Each structure stands twice: as C-alpha cells, then as structure tokens.
C-alpha cells in the first residue's frame, strides 16, 4: 500500500473527497495509489497539494 493511500485511509476520506480537497484529479490519485504512476516523479505542486490536504509532508508521501 502506498503512503498516499495509507494517509488517506487514516483520515477516513474517499478518493473523491481527497480530489476535491486537494484539487488533484481523481484519475491522478488513483494512478498514484495503484503504483501505476510514481508519486516521487510527480510535479512538486501536485505532491504539495496532496501533502497539505492530508496534513503531512512531501517527504512522507514520496518515501515509500
């Protein structure tokens, strides 16, 4: 399980809720969570938005 999914599940929010809260498209979130796309290679602004929405750090999300 990716750190992104772990953090989202800890907060008990859906992918859709995280997409709305972060402004990141749900398809992008899904690809990160399944490992289809590597979050450590994502644009910094996307990882920043996700980290803010999940109340965590960028480092926490990219260090799998």
C-alpha atoms as a PDB file:
ATOM      1  CA  UNK A   1       0.000   0.000   0.000  1.00  0.00           C
ATOM      2  CA  UNK A   2       1.353   3.418  -0.910  1.00  0.00           C
ATOM      3  CA  UNK A   3       1.892   6.151   1.661  1.00  0.00           C
ATOM      4  CA  UNK A   4      -0.707   8.230  -0.143  1.00  0.00           C
ATOM      5  CA  UNK A   5      -3.358   5.563   0.316  1.00  0.00           C
ATOM      6  CA  UNK A   6      -2.280   4.910   3.922  1.00  0.00           C
ATOM      7  CA  UNK A   7      -2.617   8.585   4.808  1.00  0.00           C
ATOM      8  CA  UNK A   8      -5.967   8.890   3.032  1.00  0.00           C
ATOM      9  CA  UNK A   9      -7.326   5.852   4.836  1.00  0.00           C
ATOM     10  CA  UNK A  10      -6.041   7.122   8.206  1.00  0.00           C
ATOM     11  CA  UNK A  11      -8.164  10.222   7.668  1.00  0.00           C
ATOM     12  CA  UNK A  12     -11.092   8.059   6.550  1.00  0.00           C
ATOM     13  CA  UNK A  13     -11.709  10.025   3.385  1.00  0.00           C
ATOM     14  CA  UNK A  14     -12.543   8.756  -0.082  1.00  0.00           C
ATOM     15  CA  UNK A  15     -10.502   9.323  -3.203  1.00  0.00           C
ATOM     16  CA  UNK A  16     -13.183  11.707  -4.382  1.00  0.00           C
ATOM     17  CA  UNK A  17     -13.033  13.700  -1.145  1.00  0.00           C
ATOM     18  CA  UNK A  18      -9.249  13.941  -1.408  1.00  0.00           C
ATOM     19  CA  UNK A  19      -9.510  15.025  -5.040  1.00  0.00           C
ATOM     20  CA  UNK A  20     -11.892  17.836  -4.102  1.00  0.00           C
ATOM     21  CA  UNK A  21      -9.878  18.872  -1.040  1.00  0.00           C
ATOM     22  CA  UNK A  22      -6.541  18.899  -2.876  1.00  0.00           C
ATOM     23  CA  UNK A  23      -7.639  19.998  -6.335  1.00  0.00           C
ATOM     24  CA  UNK A  24      -5.857  16.984  -7.864  1.00  0.00           C
ATOM     25  CA  UNK A  25      -7.801  14.955 -10.424  1.00  0.00           C
ATOM     26  CA  UNK A  26      -9.173  11.664  -9.150  1.00  0.00           C
ATOM     27  CA  UNK A  27      -7.580   9.742 -12.023  1.00  0.00           C
ATOM     28  CA  UNK A  28      -4.187  11.054 -10.970  1.00  0.00           C
ATOM     29  CA  UNK A  29      -4.820   9.976  -7.367  1.00  0.00           C
ATOM     30  CA  UNK A  30      -5.852   6.519  -8.494  1.00  0.00           C
ATOM     31  CA  UNK A  31      -2.686   6.089 -10.548  1.00  0.00           C
ATOM     32  CA  UNK A  32      -0.536   7.105  -7.588  1.00  0.00           C
ATOM     33  CA  UNK A  33      -2.381   4.775  -5.225  1.00  0.00           C
ATOM     34  CA  UNK A  34      -2.109   1.773  -7.530  1.00  0.00           C
ATOM     35  CA  UNK A  35       1.531   2.485  -8.302  1.00  0.00           C
ATOM     36  CA  UNK A  36       0.834   2.994 -11.998  1.00  0.00           C
ATOM     37  CA  UNK A  37       2.449   6.422 -11.618  1.00  0.00           C
ATOM     38  CA  UNK A  38       5.319   7.065  -9.204  1.00  0.00           C
ATOM     39  CA  UNK A  39       4.444   9.928  -6.868  1.00  0.00           C
ATOM     40  CA  UNK A  40       8.127  10.695  -6.344  1.00  0.00           C
ATOM     41  CA  UNK A  41       8.312  11.666 -10.035  1.00  0.00           C
ATOM     42  CA  UNK A  42       5.183  13.833  -9.926  1.00  0.00           C
ATOM     43  CA  UNK A  43       5.183  17.595 -10.269  1.00  0.00           C
ATOM     44  CA  UNK A  44       6.037  19.299  -6.995  1.00  0.00           C
ATOM     45  CA  UNK A  45       2.824  21.335  -6.964  1.00  0.00           C
ATOM     46  CA  UNK A  46       0.713  18.165  -7.118  1.00  0.00           C
ATOM     47  CA  UNK A  47       2.596  16.470  -4.286  1.00  0.00           C
ATOM     48  CA  UNK A  48       2.418  19.692  -2.266  1.00  0.00           C
ATOM     49  CA  UNK A  49      -1.367  19.938  -2.681  1.00  0.00           C
ATOM     50  CA  UNK A  50      -1.766  16.304  -1.620  1.00  0.00           C
ATOM     51  CA  UNK A  51       0.504  16.734   1.382  1.00  0.00           C
ATOM     52  CA  UNK A  52      -1.460  19.790   2.517  1.00  0.00           C
ATOM     53  CA  UNK A  53      -4.800  18.020   2.088  1.00  0.00           C
ATOM     54  CA  UNK A  54      -3.522  15.016   4.057  1.00  0.00           C
ATOM     55  CA  UNK A  55      -1.839  17.139   6.737  1.00  0.00           C
ATOM     56  CA  UNK A  56       1.556  15.544   6.135  1.00  0.00           C
ATOM     57  CA  UNK A  57       4.876  16.363   4.489  1.00  0.00           C
ATOM     58  CA  UNK A  58       6.015  15.905   0.926  1.00  0.00           C
ATOM     59  CA  UNK A  59       8.834  13.699   2.197  1.00  0.00           C
ATOM     60  CA  UNK A  60       6.367  11.392   3.929  1.00  0.00           C
ATOM     61  CA  UNK A  61       4.401  10.892   0.713  1.00  0.00           C
ATOM     62  CA  UNK A  62       7.339  10.264  -1.596  1.00  0.00           C
ATOM     63  CA  UNK A  63       9.335   7.968   0.695  1.00  0.00           C
ATOM     64  CA  UNK A  64       7.616   4.662   0.082  1.00  0.00           C
END
